C-alpha atoms as a PDB file:
ATOM      1  CA  MET A   1     105.421  73.203 117.111  1.00  0.00           C
ATOM      2  CA  ARG A   2     103.768  70.050 116.881  1.00  0.00           C
ATOM      3  CA  ALA A   3     104.037  68.379 113.352  1.00  0.00           C
ATOM      4  CA  GLY A   4     100.691  68.317 111.461  1.00  0.00           C
ATOM      5  CA  THR A   5      99.514  71.449 112.882  1.00  0.00           C
ATOM      6  CA  ALA A   6      98.766  74.875 111.068  1.00  0.00           C
ATOM      7  CA  ASP A   7     101.019  76.867 113.689  1.00  0.00           C
ATOM      8  CA  LEU A   8     102.520  79.687 112.009  1.00  0.00           C
ATOM      9  CA  ALA A   9     104.989  81.858 113.487  1.00  0.00           C
ATOM     10  CA  SER A  10     106.288  85.346 112.389  1.00  0.00           C
ATOM     11  CA  SER A  11     108.434  88.127 114.001  1.00  0.00           C
ATOM     12  CA  THR A  12     107.670  91.791 113.739  1.00  0.00           C
ATOM     13  CA  SER A  13     110.303  94.418 114.159  1.00  0.00           C
ATOM     14  CA  ARG A  14     108.852  97.422 116.619  1.00  0.00           C
ATOM     15  CA  LEU A  15     110.881 100.348 115.539  1.00  0.00           C
ATOM     16  CA  CYS A  16     110.775 104.083 117.248  1.00  0.00           C
ATOM     17  CA  ALA A  17     111.975 107.481 116.161  1.00  0.00           C
ATOM     18  CA  GLY A  18     112.104 110.291 118.868  1.00  0.00           C
ATOM     19  CA  ASP A  19     113.166 109.929 122.632  1.00  0.00           C
ATOM     20  CA  ARG A  20     113.734 106.318 123.717  1.00  0.00           C
ATOM     21  CA  ALA A  21     114.391 107.543 127.145  1.00  0.00           C
ATOM     22  CA  SER A  22     111.118 108.978 127.285  1.00  0.00           C
ATOM     23  CA  ALA A  23     109.441 105.655 126.164  1.00  0.00           C
ATOM     24  CA  ALA A  24     111.530 104.019 128.887  1.00  0.00           C
ATOM     25  CA  ARG A  25     110.244 106.417 131.551  1.00  0.00           C
ATOM     26  CA  ARG A  26     106.751 105.388 130.364  1.00  0.00           C
ATOM     27  CA  GLY A  27     107.334 101.899 130.747  1.00  0.00           C
ATOM     28  CA  VAL A  28     107.515 100.873 126.940  1.00  0.00           C
ATOM     29  CA  LEU A  29     108.583  97.387 126.660  1.00  0.00           C
ATOM     30  CA  SER A  30     110.730  95.365 124.386  1.00  0.00           C
ATOM     31  CA  ARG A  31     111.761  91.738 124.956  1.00  0.00           C
ATOM     32  CA  GLY A  32     110.721  92.210 128.623  1.00  0.00           C
ATOM     33  CA  ALA A  33     112.970  95.050 129.691  1.00  0.00           C
ATOM     34  CA  PRO A  34     112.405  99.013 129.582  1.00  0.00           C
ATOM     35  CA  VAL A  35     113.385 100.523 126.055  1.00  0.00           C
ATOM     36  CA  GLY A  36     116.480 102.909 125.957  1.00  0.00           C
ATOM     37  CA  HIS A  37     118.153 102.914 129.102  1.00  0.00           C
ATOM     38  CA  GLY A  38     118.732 106.612 128.602  1.00  0.00           C
ATOM     39  CA  HIS A  39     119.977 105.930 124.758  1.00  0.00           C
ATOM     40  CA  ARG A  40     118.463 108.496 122.211  1.00  0.00           C
ATOM     41  CA  CYS A  41     116.687 107.205 119.215  1.00  0.00           C
ATOM     42  CA  PRO A  42     117.656 109.507 116.246  1.00  0.00           C
ATOM     43  CA  ALA A  43     115.065 112.084 115.529  1.00  0.00           C
ATOM     44  CA  ILE A  44     113.087 111.777 112.233  1.00  0.00           C
ATOM     45  CA  GLY A  45     115.002 114.209 109.685  1.00  0.00           C
ATOM     46  CA  ARG A  46     113.834 115.816 106.594  1.00  0.00           C
ATOM     47  CA  ARG A  47     113.520 113.994 103.536  1.00  0.00           C
ATOM     48  CA  PRO A  48     112.931 115.101  99.969  1.00  0.00           C
ATOM     49  CA  GLU A  49     109.577 114.260  98.431  1.00  0.00           C
ATOM     50  CA  PRO A  50     109.454 111.478  95.706  1.00  0.00           C
ATOM     51  CA  GLN A  51     109.575 113.161  92.507  1.00  0.00           C
ATOM     52  CA  GLY A  52     106.360 114.063  91.106  1.00  0.00           C
ATOM     53  CA  ILE A  53     104.617 113.371  94.223  1.00  0.00           C
ATOM     54  CA  GLU A  54     103.275 115.665  96.797  1.00  0.00           C
ATOM     55  CA  LEU A  55     102.676 114.735 100.402  1.00  0.00           C
ATOM     56  CA  ARG A  56      99.757 116.481 102.305  1.00  0.00           C
ATOM     57  CA  ILE A  57      97.286 116.102 105.199  1.00  0.00           C
ATOM     58  CA  PRO A  58      94.030 114.907 103.648  1.00  0.00           C
ATOM     59  CA  THR A  59      91.414 117.593 103.969  1.00  0.00           C
ATOM     60  CA  THR A  60      88.822 116.894 101.097  1.00  0.00           C
ATOM     61  CA  ASP A  61      86.505 113.678 100.650  1.00  0.00           C
ATOM     62  CA  ASP A  62      88.118 112.718  97.725  1.00  0.00           C
ATOM     63  CA  GLU A  63      91.707 112.504  99.555  1.00  0.00           C
ATOM     64  CA  LEU A  64      90.059 110.752 102.404  1.00  0.00           C
ATOM     65  CA  TYR A  65      88.557 108.362 100.118  1.00  0.00           C
ATOM     66  CA  GLY A  66      91.494 107.652  98.200  1.00  0.00           C
ATOM     67  CA  MET A  67      93.513 107.231 101.265  1.00  0.00           C
ATOM     68  CA  ALA A  68      90.979 104.355 102.299  1.00  0.00           C
ATOM     69  CA  VAL A  69      91.313 102.996  98.551  1.00  0.00           C
ATOM     70  CA  VAL A  70      94.999 102.967  98.243  1.00  0.00           C
ATOM     71  CA  GLN A  71      95.334 101.329 101.717  1.00  0.00           C
ATOM     72  CA  ALA A  72      92.735  98.757 100.571  1.00  0.00           C
ATOM     73  CA  GLU A  73      94.879  97.921  97.614  1.00  0.00           C
ATOM     74  CA  ALA A  74      98.167  97.899  99.452  1.00  0.00           C
ATOM     75  CA  TYR A  75      96.822  95.367 101.966  1.00  0.00           C
ATOM     76  CA  ASP A  76      94.990  93.405  99.555  1.00  0.00           C
ATOM     77  CA  GLU A  77      91.711  93.886 100.956  1.00  0.00           C
ATOM     78  CA  PRO A  78      88.831  92.484  98.998  1.00  0.00           C
ATOM     79  CA  GLY A  79      86.546  94.716  97.106  1.00  0.00           C
ATOM     80  CA  VAL A  80      86.651  98.617  97.030  1.00  0.00           C
ATOM     81  CA  PRO A  81      85.914 100.510 100.260  1.00  0.00           C
ATOM     82  CA  SER A  82      82.488 102.284 100.407  1.00  0.00           C
ATOM     83  CA  ARG A  83      82.354 106.218 100.559  1.00  0.00           C
ATOM     84  CA  ASP A  84      80.950 105.729 104.061  1.00  0.00           C
ATOM     85  CA  ILE A  85      84.688 105.407 105.288  1.00  0.00           C
ATOM     86  CA  VAL A  86      85.185 109.310 104.767  1.00  0.00           C
ATOM     87  CA  ALA A  87      82.836 110.003 107.751  1.00  0.00           C
ATOM     88  CA  ARG A  88      84.759 107.619 109.911  1.00  0.00           C
ATOM     89  CA  ARG A  89      88.006 109.074 108.686  1.00  0.00           C
ATOM     90  CA  ARG A  90      86.949 112.675 109.584  1.00  0.00           C
ATOM     91  CA  ALA A  91      85.862 111.407 112.842  1.00  0.00           C
ATOM     92  CA  ALA A  92      89.182 109.864 113.683  1.00  0.00           C
ATOM     93  CA  LEU A  93      90.944 113.015 112.706  1.00  0.00           C
ATOM     94  CA  ALA A  94      88.695 115.171 114.855  1.00  0.00           C
ATOM     95  CA  ASP A  95      89.488 112.788 117.902  1.00  0.00           C
ATOM     96  CA  GLY A  96      93.257 113.541 117.111  1.00  0.00           C
ATOM     97  CA  ALA A  97      94.349 110.590 114.714  1.00  0.00           C
ATOM     98  CA  LEU A  98      96.889 111.917 112.072  1.00  0.00           C
ATOM     99  CA  ALA A  99      97.221 111.115 108.209  1.00  0.00           C
ATOM    100  CA  VAL A 100      99.233 111.862 105.311  1.00  0.00           C
ATOM    101  CA  VAL A 101      98.439 111.428 101.371  1.00  0.00           C
ATOM    102  CA  ALA A 102     100.864 111.072  98.708  1.00  0.00           C
ATOM    103  CA  VAL A 103      99.477 112.499  95.750  1.00  0.00           C
ATOM    104  CA  ASP A 104     100.631 112.371  91.967  1.00  0.00           C
ATOM    105  CA  ARG A 105     101.280 116.179  91.131  1.00  0.00           C
ATOM    106  CA  THR A 106     100.140 115.208  87.455  1.00  0.00           C
ATOM    107  CA  THR A 107      96.988 113.476  87.822  1.00  0.00           C
ATOM    108  CA  GLY A 108      95.755 114.514  91.299  1.00  0.00           C
ATOM    109  CA  ALA A 109      95.419 110.961  92.445  1.00  0.00           C
ATOM    110  CA  VAL A 110      96.311 109.534  95.861  1.00  0.00           C
ATOM    111  CA  VAL A 111      98.682 106.948  95.380  1.00  0.00           C
ATOM    112  CA  GLY A 112      99.766 106.419  98.771  1.00  0.00           C
ATOM    113  CA  ALA A 113      98.898 107.089 102.365  1.00  0.00           C
ATOM    114  CA  GLY A 114      99.394 106.450 106.045  1.00  0.00           C
ATOM    115  CA  SER A 115      97.929 107.327 109.582  1.00  0.00           C
ATOM    116  CA  CYS A 116      99.078 107.811 112.977  1.00  0.00           C
ATOM    117  CA  SER A 117      97.208 107.284 116.308  1.00  0.00           C
ATOM    118  CA  PRO A 118      96.257 110.096 118.512  1.00  0.00           C
ATOM    119  CA  VAL A 119      99.273 110.886 121.085  1.00  0.00           C
ATOM    120  CA  SER A 120      98.874 108.959 124.191  1.00  0.00           C
ATOM    121  CA  ASP A 121     101.385 109.399 127.021  1.00  0.00           C
ATOM    122  CA  GLY A 122     104.143 110.504 124.591  1.00  0.00           C
ATOM    123  CA  LEU A 123     103.349 107.587 122.389  1.00  0.00           C
ATOM    124  CA  ALA A 124     101.760 107.313 118.805  1.00  0.00           C
ATOM    125  CA  GLU A 125     101.762 104.578 116.467  1.00  0.00           C
ATOM    126  CA  VAL A 126     102.318 105.174 112.791  1.00  0.00           C
ATOM    127  CA  ALA A 127     100.521 102.513 110.891  1.00  0.00           C
ATOM    128  CA  ALA A 128      98.629 101.635 107.792  1.00  0.00           C
ATOM    129  CA  ILE A 129     101.219 102.943 105.290  1.00  0.00           C
ATOM    130  CA  GLY A 130     100.274 101.648 101.646  1.00  0.00           C
ATOM    131  CA  VAL A 131     101.381 102.651  98.324  1.00  0.00           C
ATOM    132  CA  SER A 132      99.582 101.849  95.302  1.00  0.00           C
ATOM    133  CA  VAL A 133     101.168  99.026  93.332  1.00  0.00           C
ATOM    134  CA  THR A 134     102.330 101.051  90.256  1.00  0.00           C
ATOM    135  CA  TYR A 135     104.057 103.653  92.473  1.00  0.00           C
ATOM    136  CA  ARG A 136     105.986 101.428  94.550  1.00  0.00           C
ATOM    137  CA  ARG A 137     109.842 101.292  94.895  1.00  0.00           C
ATOM    138  CA  ARG A 138     110.041 105.125  94.425  1.00  0.00           C
ATOM    139  CA  GLY A 139     110.518 106.180  98.049  1.00  0.00           C
ATOM    140  CA  ILE A 140     106.944 107.179  98.700  1.00  0.00           C
ATOM    141  CA  GLY A 141     106.306 104.379 101.412  1.00  0.00           C
ATOM    142  CA  GLY A 142     109.477 106.011 103.396  1.00  0.00           C
ATOM    143  CA  ALA A 143     108.682 109.571 102.735  1.00  0.00           C
ATOM    144  CA  LEU A 144     105.117 108.702 103.852  1.00  0.00           C
ATOM    145  CA  ALA A 145     106.878 107.076 107.233  1.00  0.00           C
ATOM    146  CA  THR A 146     109.187 110.302 107.893  1.00  0.00           C
ATOM    147  CA  CYS A 147     106.369 112.764 107.314  1.00  0.00           C
ATOM    148  CA  LEU A 148     103.988 110.797 109.768  1.00  0.00           C
ATOM    149  CA  GLY A 149     106.646 110.669 112.384  1.00  0.00           C
ATOM    150  CA  ARG A 150     107.408 114.538 111.755  1.00  0.00           C
ATOM    151  CA  GLU A 151     103.511 115.153 112.277  1.00  0.00           C
ATOM    152  CA  ALA A 152     103.444 113.153 115.372  1.00  0.00           C
ATOM    153  CA  LEU A 153     106.490 114.616 116.872  1.00  0.00           C
ATOM    154  CA  SER A 154     104.712 118.085 116.285  1.00  0.00           C
ATOM    155  CA  ALA A 155     101.425 116.795 117.848  1.00  0.00           C
ATOM    156  CA  GLY A 156     103.274 116.174 121.080  1.00  0.00           C
ATOM    157  CA  ALA A 157     104.687 112.421 120.602  1.00  0.00           C
ATOM    158  CA  ASP A 158     108.085 111.878 122.269  1.00  0.00           C
ATOM    159  CA  VAL A 159     108.075 108.646 120.512  1.00  0.00           C
ATOM    160  CA  PRO A 160     106.310 107.770 117.220  1.00  0.00           C
ATOM    161  CA  TRP A 161     106.644 103.927 116.516  1.00  0.00           C
ATOM    162  CA  LEU A 162     105.608 101.516 114.066  1.00  0.00           C
ATOM    163  CA  MET A 163     105.991  97.709 113.540  1.00  0.00           C
ATOM    164  CA  ALA A 164     107.411  96.358 110.242  1.00  0.00           C
ATOM    165  CA  ALA A 165     105.973  93.105 109.202  1.00  0.00           C
ATOM    166  CA  HIS A 166     109.231  91.895 107.242  1.00  0.00           C
ATOM    167  CA  ASP A 167     112.938  92.792 106.566  1.00  0.00           C
ATOM    168  CA  SER A 168     112.146  94.925 103.468  1.00  0.00           C
ATOM    169  CA  GLU A 169     109.534  97.154 105.343  1.00  0.00           C
ATOM    170  CA  ARG A 170     112.220  97.485 108.303  1.00  0.00           C
ATOM    171  CA  ARG A 171     114.849  98.627 105.850  1.00  0.00           C
ATOM    172  CA  ILE A 172     112.524 101.238 104.397  1.00  0.00           C
ATOM    173  CA  TYR A 173     111.664 102.516 108.138  1.00  0.00           C
ATOM    174  CA  GLU A 174     115.257 102.474 109.077  1.00  0.00           C
ATOM    175  CA  ARG A 175     116.097 104.672 106.131  1.00  0.00           C
ATOM    176  CA  ALA A 176     113.388 106.994 107.168  1.00  0.00           C
ATOM    177  CA  GLY A 177     114.779 107.442 110.712  1.00  0.00           C
ATOM    178  CA  TYR A 178     113.365 104.664 112.678  1.00  0.00           C
ATOM    179  CA  ARG A 179     115.268 102.168 114.757  1.00  0.00           C
ATOM    180  CA  VAL A 180     114.727  98.817 116.028  1.00  0.00           C
ATOM    181  CA  ILE A 181     113.712  98.532 119.581  1.00  0.00           C
ATOM    182  CA  GLY A 182     112.327  94.993 119.793  1.00  0.00           C
ATOM    183  CA  GLU A 183     110.748  92.267 117.999  1.00  0.00           C
ATOM    184  CA  ILE A 184     107.236  90.622 118.644  1.00  0.00           C
ATOM    185  CA  LEU A 185     106.828  87.083 117.893  1.00  0.00           C
ATOM    186  CA  HIS A 186     103.303  86.260 116.399  1.00  0.00           C
ATOM    187  CA  ILE A 187     101.933  82.966 116.670  1.00  0.00           C
ATOM    188  CA  SER A 188      98.631  81.623 115.211  1.00  0.00           C
ATOM    189  CA  ARG A 189      96.948  78.387 114.880  1.00  0.00           C
END
């Protein structure tokens, strides 16, 4: 990088759960080489729900809206999402996307959420896992990643995968059963 420029570089870990050999057959690449070489990535196991939290598939408008609100908070998006987002979320689910919300058993509030792309060629990206600030460090993010991975496998994915933005996220996802299969270097100006 040249001195005086605003170049930024960050590394993101790509993690998977499921069958890495299947990903290799499909040509998923990591650092320029096929992933897996016949090596099996550990399957996502069962994980207890965090105390006082219920993980479930969102079905009501309030759950879908709560999902949008908690994700916006977790990703520091400006403002509160419009309720119009509920229709878009329903359409995504109808098109095969998956979603899971974490609900506080006492208050009924959505306190965490995540989603997964529709399965395509055996692959499914787990993404947008977010937990409300006051509920962090209770295992909710890892539980969401585990549940979304299981849902993706149930929907026909051979390889649910995600990208961790930093080491602390990577460690959460590794505890949930995901394994690093490569890194991506992001460079921006």
